[in-house]
Structure formats: C-alpha cells, structure tokens
Protein backbone atom coordinates (compact mmCIF):
# COMPACT_ATOMS: atom_id res chain seq x y z
CA MET A 1 -12.66 6.66 4.58
CA THR A 2 -13.24 3.35 4.68
CA LEU A 3 -12.28 1.02 2.19
CA GLY A 4 -15.37 0.53 0.20
CA GLU A 5 -15.52 4.52 0.02
CA SER A 6 -12.06 4.62 -1.91
CA ARG A 7 -12.98 1.98 -4.41
CA SER A 8 -16.67 2.50 -5.01
CA GLY A 9 -17.75 4.17 -7.92
CA THR A 10 -14.28 4.60 -9.41
CA GLY A 11 -14.27 2.98 -12.66
CA GLU A 12 -10.94 1.46 -11.67
CA ARG A 13 -8.52 0.67 -14.47
CA SER A 14 -6.58 -2.19 -14.51
CA LEU A 15 -3.06 -1.15 -16.99
CA ILE A 16 -0.88 -4.00 -16.66
CA LEU A 17 2.77 -2.68 -15.92
CA ARG A 18 5.00 -3.30 -13.43
CA TRP A 19 3.97 -0.40 -11.63
CA VAL A 20 0.55 1.06 -11.86
CA PHE A 21 -1.00 4.26 -10.20
CA VAL A 22 -4.38 4.78 -10.80
CA SER A 23 -5.07 8.37 -9.27
CA ALA A 24 -9.04 8.52 -9.33
CA ALA A 25 -8.84 6.04 -6.41
CA SER A 26 -5.45 7.04 -5.06
CA ILE A 27 -4.53 3.09 -5.56
CA LEU A 28 -0.92 2.75 -6.26
CA VAL A 29 -0.06 -1.11 -7.03
CA PHE A 30 3.32 -2.83 -7.64
CA HIS A 31 3.12 -6.12 -9.50
CA ALA A 32 6.12 -8.14 -8.56
CA ASP A 33 5.64 -10.63 -11.44
CA ALA A 34 8.61 -12.40 -13.17
CA PRO A 35 8.91 -10.78 -16.77
CA GLY A 36 6.43 -12.50 -19.23
CA ARG A 37 4.69 -14.58 -16.34
CA SER A 38 0.57 -14.47 -17.07
CA ARG A 39 -0.96 -12.01 -14.83
CA LEU A 40 -3.52 -14.75 -14.29
CA ALA A 41 -1.24 -18.18 -14.09
CA ALA A 42 -0.43 -17.72 -10.53
CA ALA A 43 -0.83 -15.98 -7.40
CA ALA A 44 1.57 -12.81 -6.75
CA PRO A 45 2.85 -11.02 -4.50
CA GLN A 46 1.27 -7.23 -4.52
CA LEU A 47 1.42 -3.82 -2.56
CA LYS A 48 -1.22 -1.69 -2.87
CA VAL A 49 -1.64 1.72 -0.68
CA TYR A 50 -4.97 3.63 -0.30
CA PHE A 51 -4.67 7.14 0.67
CA ALA A 52 -7.97 9.05 2.64
CA SER A 53 -10.37 10.37 -0.38
CA GLU A 54 -9.13 14.19 0.50
CA PHE A 55 -5.82 13.87 0.22
CA LYS A 56 -5.14 14.27 -3.55
CA ASP A 57 -1.01 14.63 -4.07
CA GLU A 58 -0.41 12.20 -6.51
CA ALA A 59 3.48 12.72 -6.51
CA TYR A 60 3.70 12.47 -2.55
CA GLN A 61 1.33 9.09 -2.96
CA LYS A 62 3.71 7.88 -5.47
CA ARG A 63 6.70 8.60 -3.33
CA THR A 64 5.03 6.91 -0.01
CA TYR A 65 4.45 3.68 -2.11
CA THR A 66 7.80 3.44 -3.30
CA LYS A 67 9.35 3.65 0.13
CA VAL A 68 7.15 1.30 1.44
CA ALA A 69 7.78 -1.22 -1.88
CA SER A 70 11.68 -1.01 -1.42
CA ALA A 71 11.54 -1.38 2.44
CA TRP A 72 9.20 -4.74 1.77
CA LYS A 73 10.94 -7.70 2.14
CA ARG A 74 9.01 -10.48 1.04
CA PRO A 75 9.56 -13.80 3.57
CA THR A 76 9.53 -17.39 2.16
CA SER A 77 6.63 -18.16 3.93
CA LEU A 78 3.70 -16.71 1.88
CA PRO A 79 0.12 -16.60 3.08
CA GLU A 80 -2.77 -18.43 0.98
CA ALA A 81 -3.55 -16.81 -2.70
CA GLY A 82 -6.08 -14.21 -2.26
CA LYS A 83 -5.05 -13.37 1.40
CA LYS A 84 -3.77 -9.97 2.55
CA ALA A 85 -2.28 -7.94 5.69
CA VAL A 86 -3.34 -5.02 5.74
CA VAL A 87 -1.03 -1.83 7.71
CA VAL A 88 -2.96 1.41 8.71
CA ALA A 89 0.00 4.33 9.43
CA VAL A 90 -1.42 7.69 10.04
CA ILE A 91 1.02 9.96 8.25
CA GLN A 92 1.68 12.80 10.52
CA LYS A 93 2.58 16.78 9.06
CA ASP A 94 6.15 15.97 9.74
CA GLY A 95 6.54 12.77 7.91
CA THR A 96 6.46 10.57 11.36
CA ALA A 97 3.94 7.91 11.28
CA PRO A 98 3.82 6.73 14.76
CA ALA A 99 2.64 3.15 16.07
CA PRO A 100 1.94 1.24 12.32
CA THR A 101 -0.32 -1.30 13.11
CA LEU A 102 -1.74 -4.20 11.63
CA HIS A 103 -5.36 -3.88 10.78
CA LEU A 104 -5.80 -7.18 9.09
CA ALA A 105 -4.18 -10.82 9.33
CA SER A 106 -3.09 -12.76 6.34
CA GLY A 107 -2.96 -15.93 8.08
CA SER A 108 0.79 -16.16 8.11
CA ASP A 109 2.83 -14.64 10.58
CA PRO A 110 5.91 -14.50 8.69
CA TRP A 111 4.07 -12.18 5.88
CA ASP A 112 2.32 -10.04 8.61
CA ARG A 113 5.76 -9.27 10.25
CA ALA A 114 7.33 -8.65 7.02
CA ALA A 115 4.47 -5.92 6.03
CA LEU A 116 4.26 -4.40 9.41
CA GLU A 117 8.22 -3.98 9.30
CA ALA A 118 8.09 -2.70 5.73
CA VAL A 119 6.11 0.78 7.00
CA ARG A 120 8.08 0.57 9.93
CA LYS A 121 11.14 0.73 7.83
CA ALA A 122 9.83 3.19 5.67
CA THR A 123 9.35 5.70 7.75
CA PRO A 124 9.99 8.74 8.12
CA PHE A 125 7.84 9.29 5.16
CA ASP A 126 8.33 13.01 3.76
CA PRO A 127 6.77 15.87 5.63
CA LEU A 128 2.85 16.00 4.49
CA PRO A 129 2.51 18.89 1.68
CA LYS A 130 1.54 22.41 3.15
CA THR A 131 -1.32 22.53 1.11
CA HIS A 132 -2.75 19.29 3.35
CA ALA A 133 -4.92 21.17 5.97
CA ARG A 134 -5.18 18.27 8.46
CA PRO A 135 -2.42 17.52 11.20
CA GLY A 136 -2.57 14.22 9.25
CA VAL A 137 -3.74 11.54 6.81
CA GLU A 138 -4.72 7.83 7.38
CA VAL A 139 -3.04 5.71 4.87
CA HIS A 140 -3.77 1.64 4.31
CA PHE A 141 -1.19 -0.40 2.81
CA HIS A 142 -1.93 -3.67 1.24
CA PHE A 143 0.25 -6.45 1.18
CA GLU A 144 -1.44 -8.86 -1.05
CA TYR A 145 -0.79 -12.42 -2.01
CA ASP A 146 -3.51 -12.46 -5.40
C-alpha cells in the first residue's frame, strides 16, 4: 500500500468533530483544537492513522488509534504549519510492533521524537483479528501540525 492509494478515489469526507473516523479510506483523525476554535483560524496538532488497504477491521483500527493518541505527549516545540512526522509500524499477529521507524521527519526534532515515542509507548497493541490472514499489517501514523 502506498499513501496515495489509501487516499485516492475515496471521496474523503470532512466531518468536523473531536473524533473523526472515515472508514472508506481507513483513516482515523484526531482534531486537538480547543472547543469553539475555528478549524481554519490556526494550525492544530492532529493524528491520522492509515492501515494497509486490505485491513478492514474498523473496531481494531479505532482501538489502535485511541491507544496511540492517548500515549502522544505533544512537545512545546512545534513544527512549521503544514509539516508532519510519519511513523511506520508493522503490527504482528500477537500485537507487537517491533522497531517502529520515523519514515518522514517534520523538521522539529522534539515533535519527531514525541511521535516515535507515542507509537513505542502504545505497544503492544491488541492481537490482530483471527480473520486477518497475513502475519502482520503495516500502519502509518501521521502526527501533523496542520
């Protein structure tokens, strides 16, 4: 799966809530805006999670997202607006995710370290569903400042 494939042709919806789940594209989005703050007024931290396209278990995706979002401690040093750190992990059948890696740096070392640490702290995840035939699933965690 490439990132472009996970987004293309999905007709991505924009439902503005504190938690947004778009199942057609296997995307979970966390908006960390303060209540009442305009989404367009200023950049805000977000976490988006992209699962490999063949992985369809929405409940598992949401639990994984929630675990990483809960472990994410945003640093006071933020990247430039529009930048993101991408952490890639392969979740194994037993829920372990050995050696998550920083695939894309945001330009802010503290932001990148916090992103990588959030995924590390969230492991192990729940075991993969028995219906998932592959030995693991690749997941991209996007820690954005958008």
